Amino acid sequence: MLRISVTDTKGENRWILQGELVGPWVGELRSCWKKKRRGRDGQKCIFDLNEVSFIDKRGERLLRAICKKGAELVANGMYTKHVIEKVKTRSKLQLS
């Protein structure tokens, strides 16, 4: 299961994810993100992954796509930090 909470302020759009970013929840996050991000190009977008316990390959690909659109991924846990580094590294390699 994945819980998605979004907080909007004037300069920031913060997404707090809780649970597992796997299977059908990847599609749900993608759908929510596309709807919510329309018309908000100047607003900073942050994805807080501190409470995510697992991310599958589809979830990693979605996070990579979200990063390419300028979103910032943040996490404190060892597992989520590792996934974020992997996502960022692969994004850089694809841009080269």
PDB file of N, CA and C in Angstrom:
ATOM      1  N   MET A   1       0.842  -1.167   0.000  1.00  0.00           N
ATOM      2  CA  MET A   1       0.000   0.000   0.000  1.00  0.00           C
ATOM      3  C   MET A   1       0.895   1.242   0.000  1.00  0.00           C
ATOM      4  N   LEU A   2       0.396   2.312  -0.595  1.00  0.00           N
ATOM      5  CA  LEU A   2       1.119   3.577  -0.645  1.00  0.00           C
ATOM      6  C   LEU A   2       0.168   4.701  -0.283  1.00  0.00           C
ATOM      7  N   ARG A   3       0.589   5.521   0.644  1.00  0.00           N
ATOM      8  CA  ARG A   3      -0.179   6.720   1.002  1.00  0.00           C
ATOM      9  C   ARG A   3       0.543   7.921   0.408  1.00  0.00           C
ATOM     10  N   ILE A   4      -0.210   8.774  -0.265  1.00  0.00           N
ATOM     11  CA  ILE A   4       0.343   9.960  -0.920  1.00  0.00           C
ATOM     12  C   ILE A   4      -0.314  11.187  -0.302  1.00  0.00           C
ATOM     13  N   SER A   5       0.498  12.052   0.299  1.00  0.00           N
ATOM     14  CA  SER A   5       0.007  13.315   0.860  1.00  0.00           C
ATOM     15  C   SER A   5       0.724  14.452   0.147  1.00  0.00           C
ATOM     16  N   VAL A   6      -0.031  15.447  -0.266  1.00  0.00           N
ATOM     17  CA  VAL A   6       0.548  16.583  -0.977  1.00  0.00           C
ATOM     18  C   VAL A   6       0.206  17.862  -0.232  1.00  0.00           C
ATOM     19  N   THR A   7       1.245  18.656   0.024  1.00  0.00           N
ATOM     20  CA  THR A   7       1.065  19.942   0.684  1.00  0.00           C
ATOM     21  C   THR A   7       1.538  21.037  -0.261  1.00  0.00           C
ATOM     22  N   ASP A   8       0.673  21.993  -0.507  1.00  0.00           N
ATOM     23  CA  ASP A   8       1.014  23.114  -1.378  1.00  0.00           C
ATOM     24  C   ASP A   8       1.204  24.384  -0.562  1.00  0.00           C
ATOM     25  N   THR A   9       2.302  25.067  -0.832  1.00  0.00           N
ATOM     26  CA  THR A   9       2.500  26.414  -0.322  1.00  0.00           C
ATOM     27  C   THR A   9       2.771  27.288  -1.541  1.00  0.00           C
ATOM     28  N   LYS A  10       2.969  28.553  -1.322  1.00  0.00           N
ATOM     29  CA  LYS A  10       3.168  29.467  -2.446  1.00  0.00           C
ATOM     30  C   LYS A  10       4.351  29.055  -3.322  1.00  0.00           C
ATOM     31  N   GLY A  11       5.472  28.673  -2.719  1.00  0.00           N
ATOM     32  CA  GLY A  11       6.664  28.359  -3.502  1.00  0.00           C
ATOM     33  C   GLY A  11       7.023  26.898  -3.591  1.00  0.00           C
ATOM     34  N   GLU A  12       6.242  26.019  -2.923  1.00  0.00           N
ATOM     35  CA  GLU A  12       6.653  24.619  -2.850  1.00  0.00           C
ATOM     36  C   GLU A  12       5.465  23.665  -2.941  1.00  0.00           C
ATOM     37  N   ASN A  13       5.699  22.568  -3.601  1.00  0.00           N
ATOM     38  CA  ASN A  13       4.751  21.480  -3.728  1.00  0.00           C
ATOM     39  C   ASN A  13       5.442  20.263  -3.117  1.00  0.00           C
ATOM     40  N   ARG A  14       5.040  19.836  -1.895  1.00  0.00           N
ATOM     41  CA  ARG A  14       5.723  18.743  -1.188  1.00  0.00           C
ATOM     42  C   ARG A  14       4.849  17.486  -1.182  1.00  0.00           C
ATOM     43  N   TRP A  15       5.455  16.398  -1.671  1.00  0.00           N
ATOM     44  CA  TRP A  15       4.800  15.096  -1.713  1.00  0.00           C
ATOM     45  C   TRP A  15       5.411  14.216  -0.630  1.00  0.00           C
ATOM     46  N   ILE A  16       4.575  13.695   0.254  1.00  0.00           N
ATOM     47  CA  ILE A  16       5.044  12.784   1.295  1.00  0.00           C
ATOM     48  C   ILE A  16       4.489  11.401   0.974  1.00  0.00           C
ATOM     49  N   LEU A  17       5.405  10.463   0.737  1.00  0.00           N
ATOM     50  CA  LEU A  17       5.017   9.097   0.400  1.00  0.00           C
ATOM     51  C   LEU A  17       5.262   8.200   1.603  1.00  0.00           C
ATOM     52  N   GLN A  18       4.300   7.301   1.865  1.00  0.00           N
ATOM     53  CA  GLN A  18       4.409   6.369   2.979  1.00  0.00           C
ATOM     54  C   GLN A  18       4.010   4.985   2.495  1.00  0.00           C
ATOM     55  N   GLY A  19       4.855   4.003   2.749  1.00  0.00           N
ATOM     56  CA  GLY A  19       4.537   2.630   2.361  1.00  0.00           C
ATOM     57  C   GLY A  19       5.466   2.126   1.285  1.00  0.00           C
ATOM     58  N   GLU A  20       4.900   1.407   0.314  1.00  0.00           N
ATOM     59  CA  GLU A  20       5.690   0.791  -0.751  1.00  0.00           C
ATOM     60  C   GLU A  20       5.319   1.371  -2.104  1.00  0.00           C
ATOM     61  N   LEU A  21       6.318   1.777  -2.860  1.00  0.00           N
ATOM     62  CA  LEU A  21       6.109   2.291  -4.215  1.00  0.00           C
ATOM     63  C   LEU A  21       6.311   1.117  -5.172  1.00  0.00           C
ATOM     64  N   VAL A  22       5.258   0.322  -5.324  1.00  0.00           N
ATOM     65  CA  VAL A  22       5.312  -0.915  -6.113  1.00  0.00           C
ATOM     66  C   VAL A  22       4.007  -1.101  -6.887  1.00  0.00           C
ATOM     67  N   GLY A  23       4.087  -1.951  -7.920  1.00  0.00           N
ATOM     68  CA  GLY A  23       2.905  -2.387  -8.652  1.00  0.00           C
ATOM     69  C   GLY A  23       1.940  -1.273  -9.022  1.00  0.00           C
ATOM     70  N   PRO A  24       0.658  -1.452  -8.680  1.00  0.00           N
ATOM     71  CA  PRO A  24      -0.358  -0.482  -9.089  1.00  0.00           C
ATOM     72  C   PRO A  24      -0.177   0.892  -8.447  1.00  0.00           C
ATOM     73  N   TRP A  25       0.547   0.962  -7.348  1.00  0.00           N
ATOM     74  CA  TRP A  25       0.740   2.245  -6.666  1.00  0.00           C
ATOM     75  C   TRP A  25       1.654   3.162  -7.468  1.00  0.00           C
ATOM     76  N   VAL A  26       2.509   2.584  -8.307  1.00  0.00           N
ATOM     77  CA  VAL A  26       3.364   3.393  -9.184  1.00  0.00           C
ATOM     78  C   VAL A  26       2.482   4.159 -10.173  1.00  0.00           C
ATOM     79  N   GLY A  27       1.537   3.453 -10.779  1.00  0.00           N
ATOM     80  CA  GLY A  27       0.608   4.089 -11.712  1.00  0.00           C
ATOM     81  C   GLY A  27      -0.236   5.150 -11.039  1.00  0.00           C
ATOM     82  N   GLU A  28      -0.656   4.884  -9.811  1.00  0.00           N
ATOM     83  CA  GLU A  28      -1.462   5.852  -9.066  1.00  0.00           C
ATOM     84  C   GLU A  28      -0.656   7.121  -8.784  1.00  0.00           C
ATOM     85  N   LEU A  29       0.598   6.959  -8.372  1.00  0.00           N
ATOM     86  CA  LEU A  29       1.452   8.127  -8.124  1.00  0.00           C
ATOM     87  C   LEU A  29       1.681   8.904  -9.416  1.00  0.00           C
ATOM     88  N   ARG A  30       1.934   8.198 -10.509  1.00  0.00           N
ATOM     89  CA  ARG A  30       2.151   8.856 -11.802  1.00  0.00           C
ATOM     90  C   ARG A  30       0.929   9.695 -12.181  1.00  0.00           C
ATOM     91  N   SER A  31      -0.238   9.106 -12.036  1.00  0.00           N
ATOM     92  CA  SER A  31      -1.485   9.791 -12.372  1.00  0.00           C
ATOM     93  C   SER A  31      -1.693  11.038 -11.500  1.00  0.00           C
ATOM     94  N   CYS A  32      -1.498  10.882 -10.201  1.00  0.00           N
ATOM     95  CA  CYS A  32      -1.646  12.017  -9.274  1.00  0.00           C
ATOM     96  C   CYS A  32      -0.649  13.123  -9.594  1.00  0.00           C
ATOM     97  N   TRP A  33       0.591  12.729  -9.869  1.00  0.00           N
ATOM     98  CA  TRP A  33       1.642  13.705 -10.144  1.00  0.00           C
ATOM     99  C   TRP A  33       1.339  14.501 -11.408  1.00  0.00           C
ATOM    100  N   LYS A  34       0.908  13.813 -12.464  1.00  0.00           N
ATOM    101  CA  LYS A  34       0.600  14.500 -13.718  1.00  0.00           C
ATOM    102  C   LYS A  34      -0.535  15.495 -13.540  1.00  0.00           C
ATOM    103  N   LYS A  35      -1.574  15.117 -12.802  1.00  0.00           N
ATOM    104  CA  LYS A  35      -2.708  16.016 -12.560  1.00  0.00           C
ATOM    105  C   LYS A  35      -2.290  17.220 -11.718  1.00  0.00           C
ATOM    106  N   LYS A  36      -1.544  16.953 -10.681  1.00  0.00           N
ATOM    107  CA  LYS A  36      -1.178  18.001  -9.723  1.00  0.00           C
ATOM    108  C   LYS A  36      -0.141  18.970 -10.286  1.00  0.00           C
ATOM    109  N   ARG A  37       0.745  18.494 -11.142  1.00  0.00           N
ATOM    110  CA  ARG A  37       1.836  19.334 -11.649  1.00  0.00           C
ATOM    111  C   ARG A  37       1.426  20.240 -12.812  1.00  0.00           C
ATOM    112  N   ARG A  38       0.275  20.021 -13.397  1.00  0.00           N
ATOM    113  CA  ARG A  38      -0.166  20.873 -14.503  1.00  0.00           C
ATOM    114  C   ARG A  38      -0.214  22.326 -14.071  1.00  0.00           C
ATOM    115  N   GLY A  39       0.464  23.171 -14.833  1.00  0.00           N
ATOM    116  CA  GLY A  39       0.411  24.604 -14.567  1.00  0.00           C
ATOM    117  C   GLY A  39       1.226  25.078 -13.375  1.00  0.00           C
ATOM    118  N   ARG A  40       2.127  24.257 -12.854  1.00  0.00           N
ATOM    119  CA  ARG A  40       2.911  24.629 -11.666  1.00  0.00           C
ATOM    120  C   ARG A  40       4.400  24.604 -11.965  1.00  0.00           C
ATOM    121  N   ASP A  41       4.778  25.041 -13.138  1.00  0.00           N
ATOM    122  CA  ASP A  41       6.173  24.955 -13.553  1.00  0.00           C
ATOM    123  C   ASP A  41       7.123  25.766 -12.689  1.00  0.00           C
ATOM    124  N   GLY A  42       6.704  26.886 -12.137  1.00  0.00           N
ATOM    125  CA  GLY A  42       7.599  27.713 -11.345  1.00  0.00           C
ATOM    126  C   GLY A  42       7.708  27.285  -9.893  1.00  0.00           C
ATOM    127  N   GLN A  43       6.919  26.338  -9.482  1.00  0.00           N
ATOM    128  CA  GLN A  43       6.877  25.915  -8.089  1.00  0.00           C
ATOM    129  C   GLN A  43       7.868  24.773  -7.832  1.00  0.00           C
ATOM    130  N   LYS A  44       8.635  24.877  -6.749  1.00  0.00           N
ATOM    131  CA  LYS A  44       9.584  23.827  -6.375  1.00  0.00           C
ATOM    132  C   LYS A  44       8.803  22.577  -5.969  1.00  0.00           C
ATOM    133  N   CYS A  45       9.267  21.420  -6.418  1.00  0.00           N
ATOM    134  CA  CYS A  45       8.587  20.162  -6.137  1.00  0.00           C
ATOM    135  C   CYS A  45       9.536  19.235  -5.374  1.00  0.00           C
ATOM    136  N   ILE A  46       9.097  18.778  -4.210  1.00  0.00           N
ATOM    137  CA  ILE A  46       9.917  17.913  -3.353  1.00  0.00           C
ATOM    138  C   ILE A  46       9.154  16.627  -3.046  1.00  0.00           C
ATOM    139  N   PHE A  47       9.833  15.492  -3.241  1.00  0.00           N
ATOM    140  CA  PHE A  47       9.269  14.195  -2.882  1.00  0.00           C
ATOM    141  C   PHE A  47       9.993  13.685  -1.644  1.00  0.00           C
ATOM    142  N   ASP A  48       9.264  13.567  -0.540  1.00  0.00           N
ATOM    143  CA  ASP A  48       9.799  13.086   0.733  1.00  0.00           C
ATOM    144  C   ASP A  48       9.577  11.578   0.806  1.00  0.00           C
ATOM    145  N   LEU A  49      10.670  10.816   0.758  1.00  0.00           N
ATOM    146  CA  LEU A  49      10.599   9.357   0.754  1.00  0.00           C
ATOM    147  C   LEU A  49      10.999   8.751   2.101  1.00  0.00           C
ATOM    148  N   ASN A  50      10.998   9.552   3.160  1.00  0.00           N
ATOM    149  CA  ASN A  50      11.448   9.080   4.472  1.00  0.00           C
ATOM    150  C   ASN A  50      10.655   7.886   4.997  1.00  0.00           C
ATOM    151  N   GLU A  51       9.389   7.790   4.627  1.00  0.00           N
ATOM    152  CA  GLU A  51       8.557   6.709   5.151  1.00  0.00           C
ATOM    153  C   GLU A  51       8.232   5.645   4.105  1.00  0.00           C
ATOM    154  N   VAL A  52       9.058   5.568   3.067  1.00  0.00           N
ATOM    155  CA  VAL A  52       8.893   4.536   2.044  1.00  0.00           C
ATOM    156  C   VAL A  52       9.755   3.341   2.435  1.00  0.00           C
ATOM    157  N   SER A  53       9.151   2.151   2.441  1.00  0.00           N
ATOM    158  CA  SER A  53       9.884   0.959   2.876  1.00  0.00           C
ATOM    159  C   SER A  53      10.434   0.129   1.714  1.00  0.00           C
ATOM    160  N   PHE A  54       9.858   0.277   0.505  1.00  0.00           N
ATOM    161  CA  PHE A  54      10.352  -0.483  -0.642  1.00  0.00           C
ATOM    162  C   PHE A  54       9.947   0.208  -1.937  1.00  0.00           C
ATOM    163  N   ILE A  55      10.830   0.153  -2.945  1.00  0.00           N
ATOM    164  CA  ILE A  55      10.574   0.726  -4.263  1.00  0.00           C
ATOM    165  C   ILE A  55      10.985  -0.304  -5.301  1.00  0.00           C
ATOM    166  N   ASP A  56      10.031  -0.704  -6.171  1.00  0.00           N
ATOM    167  CA  ASP A  56      10.383  -1.674  -7.216  1.00  0.00           C
ATOM    168  C   ASP A  56      10.960  -0.950  -8.435  1.00  0.00           C
ATOM    169  N   LYS A  57      11.306  -1.705  -9.466  1.00  0.00           N
ATOM    170  CA  LYS A  57      11.945  -1.131 -10.668  1.00  0.00           C
ATOM    171  C   LYS A  57      11.047  -0.100 -11.348  1.00  0.00           C
ATOM    172  N   ARG A  58       9.745  -0.379 -11.415  1.00  0.00           N
ATOM    173  CA  ARG A  58       8.817   0.605 -12.014  1.00  0.00           C
ATOM    174  C   ARG A  58       8.795   1.885 -11.193  1.00  0.00           C
ATOM    175  N   GLY A  59       8.847   1.739  -9.884  1.00  0.00           N
ATOM    176  CA  GLY A  59       8.887   2.906  -9.004  1.00  0.00           C
ATOM    177  C   GLY A  59      10.150   3.716  -9.218  1.00  0.00           C
ATOM    178  N   GLU A  60      11.274   3.031  -9.393  1.00  0.00           N
ATOM    179  CA  GLU A  60      12.540   3.713  -9.670  1.00  0.00           C
ATOM    180  C   GLU A  60      12.469   4.481 -10.984  1.00  0.00           C
ATOM    181  N   ARG A  61      11.878   3.858 -12.008  1.00  0.00           N
ATOM    182  CA  ARG A  61      11.751   4.545 -13.311  1.00  0.00           C
ATOM    183  C   ARG A  61      10.884   5.791 -13.192  1.00  0.00           C
ATOM    184  N   LEU A  62       9.800   5.700 -12.410  1.00  0.00           N
ATOM    185  CA  LEU A  62       8.942   6.868 -12.214  1.00  0.00           C
ATOM    186  C   LEU A  62       9.698   7.969 -11.477  1.00  0.00           C
ATOM    187  N   LEU A  63      10.434   7.609 -10.441  1.00  0.00           N
ATOM    188  CA  LEU A  63      11.215   8.611  -9.711  1.00  0.00           C
ATOM    189  C   LEU A  63      12.256   9.259 -10.619  1.00  0.00           C
ATOM    190  N   ARG A  64      12.855   8.478 -11.506  1.00  0.00           N
ATOM    191  CA  ARG A  64      13.819   9.013 -12.465  1.00  0.00           C
ATOM    192  C   ARG A  64      13.140  10.038 -13.374  1.00  0.00           C
ATOM    193  N   ALA A  65      11.948   9.716 -13.865  1.00  0.00           N
ATOM    194  CA  ALA A  65      11.196  10.635 -14.736  1.00  0.00           C
ATOM    195  C   ALA A  65      10.808  11.902 -13.982  1.00  0.00           C
ATOM    196  N   ILE A  66      10.417  11.741 -12.734  1.00  0.00           N
ATOM    197  CA  ILE A  66      10.042  12.887 -11.905  1.00  0.00           C
ATOM    198  C   ILE A  66      11.258  13.785 -11.675  1.00  0.00           C
ATOM    199  N   CYS A  67      12.424  13.172 -11.433  1.00  0.00           N
ATOM    200  CA  CYS A  67      13.669  13.933 -11.261  1.00  0.00           C
ATOM    201  C   CYS A  67      14.007  14.723 -12.516  1.00  0.00           C
ATOM    202  N   LYS A  68      13.835  14.099 -13.669  1.00  0.00           N
ATOM    203  CA  LYS A  68      14.145  14.765 -14.933  1.00  0.00           C
ATOM    204  C   LYS A  68      13.274  15.998 -15.139  1.00  0.00           C
ATOM    205  N   LYS A  69      12.095  16.005 -14.534  1.00  0.00           N
ATOM    206  CA  LYS A  69      11.194  17.154 -14.630  1.00  0.00           C
ATOM    207  C   LYS A  69      11.514  18.221 -13.576  1.00  0.00           C
ATOM    208  N   GLY A  70      12.583  17.983 -12.799  1.00  0.00           N
ATOM    209  CA  GLY A  70      13.036  18.995 -11.854  1.00  0.00           C
ATOM    210  C   GLY A  70      12.668  18.784 -10.403  1.00  0.00           C
ATOM    211  N   ALA A  71      12.029  17.675 -10.082  1.00  0.00           N
ATOM    212  CA  ALA A  71      11.665  17.409  -8.689  1.00  0.00           C
ATOM    213  C   ALA A  71      12.895  17.012  -7.882  1.00  0.00           C
ATOM    214  N   GLU A  72      12.848  17.312  -6.599  1.00  0.00           N
ATOM    215  CA  GLU A  72      13.921  16.945  -5.676  1.00  0.00           C
ATOM    216  C   GLU A  72      13.449  15.764  -4.828  1.00  0.00           C
ATOM    217  N   LEU A  73      14.286  14.737  -4.695  1.00  0.00           N
ATOM    218  CA  LEU A  73      13.969  13.577  -3.867  1.00  0.00           C
ATOM    219  C   LEU A  73      14.753  13.685  -2.569  1.00  0.00           C
ATOM    220  N   VAL A  74      14.075  13.500  -1.439  1.00  0.00           N
ATOM    221  CA  VAL A  74      14.753  13.574  -0.144  1.00  0.00           C
ATOM    222  C   VAL A  74      14.409  12.335   0.684  1.00  0.00           C
ATOM    223  N   ALA A  75      15.394  11.891   1.480  1.00  0.00           N
ATOM    224  CA  ALA A  75      15.199  10.752   2.374  1.00  0.00           C
ATOM    225  C   ALA A  75      16.321  10.716   3.395  1.00  0.00           C
ATOM    226  N   ASN A  76      16.041  10.124   4.542  1.00  0.00           N
ATOM    227  CA  ASN A  76      17.041   9.972   5.599  1.00  0.00           C
ATOM    228  C   ASN A  76      17.504   8.531   5.763  1.00  0.00           C
ATOM    229  N   GLY A  77      16.662   7.579   5.418  1.00  0.00           N
ATOM    230  CA  GLY A  77      16.991   6.170   5.619  1.00  0.00           C
ATOM    231  C   GLY A  77      18.037   5.662   4.641  1.00  0.00           C
ATOM    232  N   MET A  78      18.780   4.641   5.074  1.00  0.00           N
ATOM    233  CA  MET A  78      19.851   4.088   4.256  1.00  0.00           C
ATOM    234  C   MET A  78      19.313   3.519   2.942  1.00  0.00           C
ATOM    235  N   TYR A  79      18.213   2.763   3.002  1.00  0.00           N
ATOM    236  CA  TYR A  79      17.655   2.148   1.798  1.00  0.00           C
ATOM    237  C   TYR A  79      17.178   3.218   0.809  1.00  0.00           C
ATOM    238  N   THR A  80      16.398   4.161   1.279  1.00  0.00           N
ATOM    239  CA  THR A  80      15.853   5.173   0.362  1.00  0.00           C
ATOM    240  C   THR A  80      16.945   6.100  -0.167  1.00  0.00           C
ATOM    241  N   LYS A  81      17.950   6.398   0.637  1.00  0.00           N
ATOM    242  CA  LYS A  81      19.082   7.197   0.147  1.00  0.00           C
ATOM    243  C   LYS A  81      19.796   6.455  -0.986  1.00  0.00           C
ATOM    244  N   HIS A  82      19.959   5.142  -0.813  1.00  0.00           N
ATOM    245  CA  HIS A  82      20.605   4.319  -1.842  1.00  0.00           C
ATOM    246  C   HIS A  82      19.791   4.356  -3.148  1.00  0.00           C
ATOM    247  N   VAL A  83      18.492   4.206  -3.037  1.00  0.00           N
ATOM    248  CA  VAL A  83      17.636   4.234  -4.226  1.00  0.00           C
ATOM    249  C   VAL A  83      17.718   5.603  -4.899  1.00  0.00           C
ATOM    250  N   ILE A  84      17.695   6.671  -4.126  1.00  0.00           N
ATOM    251  CA  ILE A  84      17.779   8.018  -4.692  1.00  0.00           C
ATOM    252  C   ILE A  84      19.099   8.200  -5.442  1.00  0.00           C
ATOM    253  N   GLU A  85      20.194   7.749  -4.859  1.00  0.00           N
ATOM    254  CA  GLU A  85      21.490   7.867  -5.543  1.00  0.00           C
ATOM    255  C   GLU A  85      21.496   7.082  -6.853  1.00  0.00           C
ATOM    256  N   LYS A  86      20.915   5.891  -6.822  1.00  0.00           N
ATOM    257  CA  LYS A  86      20.838   5.068  -8.026  1.00  0.00           C
ATOM    258  C   LYS A  86      19.993   5.766  -9.101  1.00  0.00           C
ATOM    259  N   VAL A  87      18.880   6.335  -8.708  1.00  0.00           N
ATOM    260  CA  VAL A  87      18.001   7.057  -9.640  1.00  0.00           C
ATOM    261  C   VAL A  87      18.732   8.254 -10.240  1.00  0.00           C
ATOM    262  N   LYS A  88      19.401   9.033  -9.400  1.00  0.00           N
ATOM    263  CA  LYS A  88      20.124  10.215  -9.880  1.00  0.00           C
ATOM    264  C   LYS A  88      21.272   9.838 -10.793  1.00  0.00           C
ATOM    265  N   THR A  89      22.009   8.778 -10.447  1.00  0.00           N
ATOM    266  CA  THR A  89      23.140   8.333 -11.266  1.00  0.00           C
ATOM    267  C   THR A  89      22.655   7.887 -12.644  1.00  0.00           C
ATOM    268  N   ARG A  90      21.606   7.121 -12.688  1.00  0.00           N
ATOM    269  CA  ARG A  90      21.078   6.648 -13.971  1.00  0.00           C
ATOM    270  C   ARG A  90      20.513   7.801 -14.790  1.00  0.00           C
ATOM    271  N   SER A  91      19.926   8.786 -14.119  1.00  0.00           N
ATOM    272  CA  SER A  91      19.419   9.970 -14.841  1.00  0.00           C
ATOM    273  C   SER A  91      20.556  10.710 -15.508  1.00  0.00           C
ATOM    274  N   LYS A  92      21.666  10.862 -14.799  1.00  0.00           N
ATOM    275  CA  LYS A  92      22.837  11.554 -15.359  1.00  0.00           C
ATOM    276  C   LYS A  92      23.414  10.773 -16.534  1.00  0.00           C
ATOM    277  N   LEU A  93      23.465   9.443 -16.407  1.00  0.00           N
ATOM    278  CA  LEU A  93      24.017   8.622 -17.488  1.00  0.00           C
ATOM    279  C   LEU A  93      23.147   8.706 -18.738  1.00  0.00           C
ATOM    280  N   GLN A  94      21.850   8.788 -18.578  1.00  0.00           N
ATOM    281  CA  GLN A  94      20.946   8.868 -19.714  1.00  0.00           C
ATOM    282  C   GLN A  94      21.034  10.234 -20.390  1.00  0.00           C
ATOM    283  N   LEU A  95      21.384  11.277 -19.639  1.00  0.00           N
ATOM    284  CA  LEU A  95      21.499  12.609 -20.214  1.00  0.00           C
ATOM    285  C   LEU A  95      22.784  12.775 -20.999  1.00  0.00           C
ATOM    286  N   SER A  96      23.804  11.976 -20.669  1.00  0.00           N
ATOM    287  CA  SER A  96      25.112  12.082 -21.336  1.00  0.00           C
ATOM    288  C   SER A  96      25.091  11.556 -22.747  1.00  0.00           C
TER     289      SER A  96
END
